[in-house]
Structure formats: C-alpha cells, structure tokens
Amino acid sequence: MTVEFILNGKKAAAEAAGDTLLLDALRGLGCHSVKCGCETTNCGLCTVWINGKSRLSCSVLALSVEGQEITTLEGVKEEADEFGKFLANEGAEQCGFCSPGFIMNVLAMMRELDNPSVEEIKEYLAGNLCRCTGYMGQLRAIQKYLERKKEEVLS
C-alpha cells in the first residue's frame, strides 16, 4: 500500500506493508536522522514529530500517518544546528548517535513548556538515552540555550 503524508513541509509517499514501522518508511525516504537504537521504545533515537507532538517512530505503523504532518530533524535544520552548537560547547555531543532524537525532544519541549524547571526538563527528556555524556553536559546546554532564547525574546 502507499501511504501519503506531509514530510518536513512537503508531500511525500511511501510504500508500506501493514507491519511497516514509520521509522523504516522515513529512513527509506532519506531521513537518516531517524535512527533505531533499541527496538523497544526505550531510547528516543527515533523521535519525530507527528502533527507537532514528539513520538517514537519505532512504535508507529507507517500506514497510520496517512494525511498527517511528520517532522524529522531534517525539517528543523536551523533550530537543530543552533542547539547543536550549545551541545558541542558543553562537551555533550561526543559520538552524536543520540543527538537527533534528543534535539527533536528538546525543541518539542521548548514549544510545550514555558520556562521549564530543571526537574521538568529531566522529566520531559527521561526517555532519551545517551551512552557517552552522563547527561550533565546536555542539561547545561539546554539551560544555556533556554536562557539565550529568553534573552532574544526580551531584546
């Protein structure tokens, strides 16, 4: 079957069987930021936005997104690049394998939470696993990025 949806602002179509995961359909369309890290919905590497909400694409059947809007890291490149610099400056990037899913969730969190506390940040991002950084650099990067965004709004 063919499933049609909006991918990063453009019409897209993918061939999908009844058991095809959205993750596999997106990778087949060249969205290599969407990664499979665990196959158990526990790592966050496959995070995308479906109609603006964070979802794990390894837990969504491709056929279920008919007509919906899907955003991957490729669709938020400017924002991702900006936040990625904060990650790098805090030494929180390291191997980078988890970065795309992590960045997608950070950007979604910024849209959903107004001035989140450290505890709210930790809770929101609890499903993103990283084997390299120990999370403190990531947390510092998020806090500095949020502070910068707040300054931009005030100026």
Protein backbone atom coordinates (compact mmCIF):
# COMPACT_ATOMS: atom_id res chain seq x y z
CA MET A 1 0.00 0.00 0.00
CA THR A 2 1.00 3.59 -0.45
CA VAL A 3 0.81 5.97 2.49
CA GLU A 4 0.79 9.71 1.78
CA PHE A 5 1.69 12.38 4.31
CA ILE A 6 3.47 15.71 4.67
CA LEU A 7 7.16 15.21 5.43
CA ASN A 8 9.09 18.26 6.56
CA GLY A 9 6.62 20.54 4.82
CA LYS A 10 6.41 18.64 1.51
CA LYS A 11 4.07 15.98 0.18
CA ALA A 12 5.56 12.52 0.48
CA ALA A 13 4.54 8.95 -0.21
CA ALA A 14 5.99 5.63 0.87
CA GLU A 15 5.20 2.03 0.12
CA ALA A 16 4.33 0.23 3.34
CA ALA A 17 3.04 -3.16 4.36
CA GLY A 18 0.67 -3.45 7.31
CA ASP A 19 3.57 -4.02 9.71
CA THR A 20 5.97 -1.38 8.34
CA LEU A 21 7.13 0.99 11.04
CA LEU A 22 7.20 4.72 10.42
CA LEU A 23 10.91 4.64 11.31
CA ASP A 24 11.64 2.32 8.37
CA ALA A 25 9.45 4.29 5.97
CA LEU A 26 11.19 7.55 6.89
CA ARG A 27 14.66 6.08 6.52
CA GLY A 28 13.59 4.74 3.13
CA LEU A 29 12.73 8.32 2.16
CA GLY A 30 16.23 9.50 3.11
CA CYS A 31 15.57 10.78 6.64
CA HIS A 32 18.70 9.28 8.16
CA SER A 33 18.44 11.33 11.35
CA VAL A 34 15.71 8.90 12.42
CA LYS A 35 17.61 6.01 13.96
CA CYS A 36 16.87 2.65 15.51
CA GLY A 37 18.72 2.24 18.76
CA CYS A 38 16.78 -0.25 20.85
CA GLU A 39 13.71 -1.65 19.04
CA THR A 40 11.88 -1.44 22.40
CA THR A 41 10.71 2.22 22.52
CA ASN A 42 13.22 2.98 25.28
CA CYS A 43 15.98 5.10 23.77
CA GLY A 44 14.43 8.08 21.96
CA LEU A 45 16.70 7.84 18.91
CA CYS A 46 13.76 7.54 16.54
CA THR A 47 11.91 10.63 17.79
CA VAL A 48 9.93 12.58 15.21
CA TRP A 49 7.02 14.98 15.46
CA ILE A 50 3.63 13.85 14.28
CA ASN A 51 1.38 16.87 13.95
CA GLY A 52 3.81 18.77 16.16
CA LYS A 53 3.98 16.24 19.02
CA SER A 54 7.02 14.10 19.86
CA ARG A 55 6.51 10.44 19.02
CA LEU A 56 8.75 7.41 18.79
CA SER A 57 8.62 6.39 15.15
CA CYS A 58 9.53 2.80 16.07
CA SER A 59 6.16 2.50 17.82
CA VAL A 60 4.02 3.93 15.00
CA LEU A 61 2.83 1.99 11.98
CA ALA A 62 3.56 3.83 8.75
CA LEU A 63 0.02 3.34 7.45
CA SER A 64 -1.37 5.17 10.49
CA VAL A 65 0.13 8.51 9.45
CA GLU A 66 -1.93 8.88 6.29
CA GLY A 67 -2.52 12.60 5.69
CA GLN A 68 -0.61 13.67 8.81
CA GLU A 69 2.34 16.01 9.16
CA ILE A 70 5.68 14.39 10.03
CA THR A 71 8.74 16.41 11.01
CA THR A 72 12.22 14.95 11.32
CA LEU A 73 15.47 16.65 12.25
CA GLU A 74 15.96 17.40 8.55
CA GLY A 75 12.85 19.59 8.76
CA VAL A 76 14.12 21.75 11.62
CA LYS A 77 17.71 22.10 10.46
CA GLU A 78 18.29 25.72 11.50
CA GLU A 79 16.97 25.23 15.04
CA ALA A 80 18.80 21.92 15.33
CA ASP A 81 22.09 23.46 14.20
CA GLU A 82 21.68 26.29 16.69
CA PHE A 83 21.02 23.98 19.64
CA GLY A 84 23.69 21.55 18.43
CA LYS A 85 26.31 24.25 18.95
CA PHE A 86 25.27 24.51 22.60
CA LEU A 87 25.65 20.74 22.95
CA ALA A 88 29.11 20.85 21.40
CA ASN A 89 30.20 23.77 23.58
CA GLU A 90 29.27 21.77 26.70
CA GLY A 91 31.02 18.60 25.52
CA ALA A 92 27.64 16.89 25.35
CA GLU A 93 27.82 15.80 21.73
CA GLN A 94 30.54 13.14 21.83
CA CYS A 95 29.64 10.32 19.42
CA GLY A 96 26.44 12.13 18.29
CA PHE A 97 24.41 8.97 17.71
CA CYS A 98 21.66 10.02 20.13
CA SER A 99 21.74 13.70 19.18
CA PRO A 100 18.99 13.78 16.51
CA GLY A 101 16.30 12.25 18.73
CA PHE A 102 17.49 14.26 21.72
CA ILE A 103 17.40 17.53 19.76
CA MET A 104 13.90 16.76 18.45
CA ASN A 105 12.68 16.31 22.01
CA VAL A 106 14.42 19.44 23.31
CA LEU A 107 12.84 21.53 20.56
CA ALA A 108 9.42 19.96 21.24
CA MET A 109 9.85 20.64 24.96
CA MET A 110 10.54 24.30 24.21
CA ARG A 111 7.26 24.52 22.30
CA GLU A 112 5.27 22.78 25.04
CA LEU A 113 6.74 24.06 28.31
CA ASP A 114 7.11 27.69 29.29
CA ASN A 115 10.30 28.32 31.30
CA PRO A 116 10.75 24.70 32.46
CA SER A 117 12.50 23.94 35.75
CA VAL A 118 15.45 21.54 35.90
CA GLU A 119 13.12 18.82 37.17
CA GLU A 120 10.65 19.43 34.33
CA ILE A 121 13.49 19.23 31.80
CA LYS A 122 14.73 15.96 33.28
CA GLU A 123 11.22 14.50 33.31
CA TYR A 124 10.47 15.58 29.74
CA LEU A 125 13.71 14.09 28.42
CA ALA A 126 13.74 10.94 30.56
CA GLY A 127 13.20 8.70 27.52
CA ASN A 128 16.35 9.85 25.72
CA LEU A 129 19.29 7.57 26.39
CA CYS A 130 22.90 8.57 25.83
CA ARG A 131 25.81 6.22 26.42
CA CYS A 132 28.57 8.84 26.22
CA THR A 133 27.85 12.04 28.09
CA GLY A 134 26.42 11.36 31.53
CA TYR A 135 23.65 13.94 30.88
CA MET A 136 25.13 16.87 32.84
CA GLY A 137 26.58 18.49 29.72
CA GLN A 138 23.26 18.04 27.98
CA LEU A 139 21.45 19.68 30.87
CA ARG A 140 23.88 22.63 30.88
CA ALA A 141 23.43 23.01 27.12
CA ILE A 142 19.65 23.05 27.46
CA GLN A 143 19.73 25.61 30.26
CA LYS A 144 22.09 27.90 28.32
CA TYR A 145 20.03 27.53 25.15
CA LEU A 146 16.80 28.35 27.01
CA GLU A 147 18.48 31.38 28.58
CA ARG A 148 19.65 32.59 25.15
CA LYS A 149 16.18 32.17 23.70
CA LYS A 150 14.69 34.10 26.62
CA GLU A 151 17.20 36.94 26.04
CA GLU A 152 16.28 37.05 22.34
CA VAL A 153 12.59 37.45 23.20
CA LEU A 154 13.33 40.25 25.69
CA SER A 155 15.55 42.21 23.31
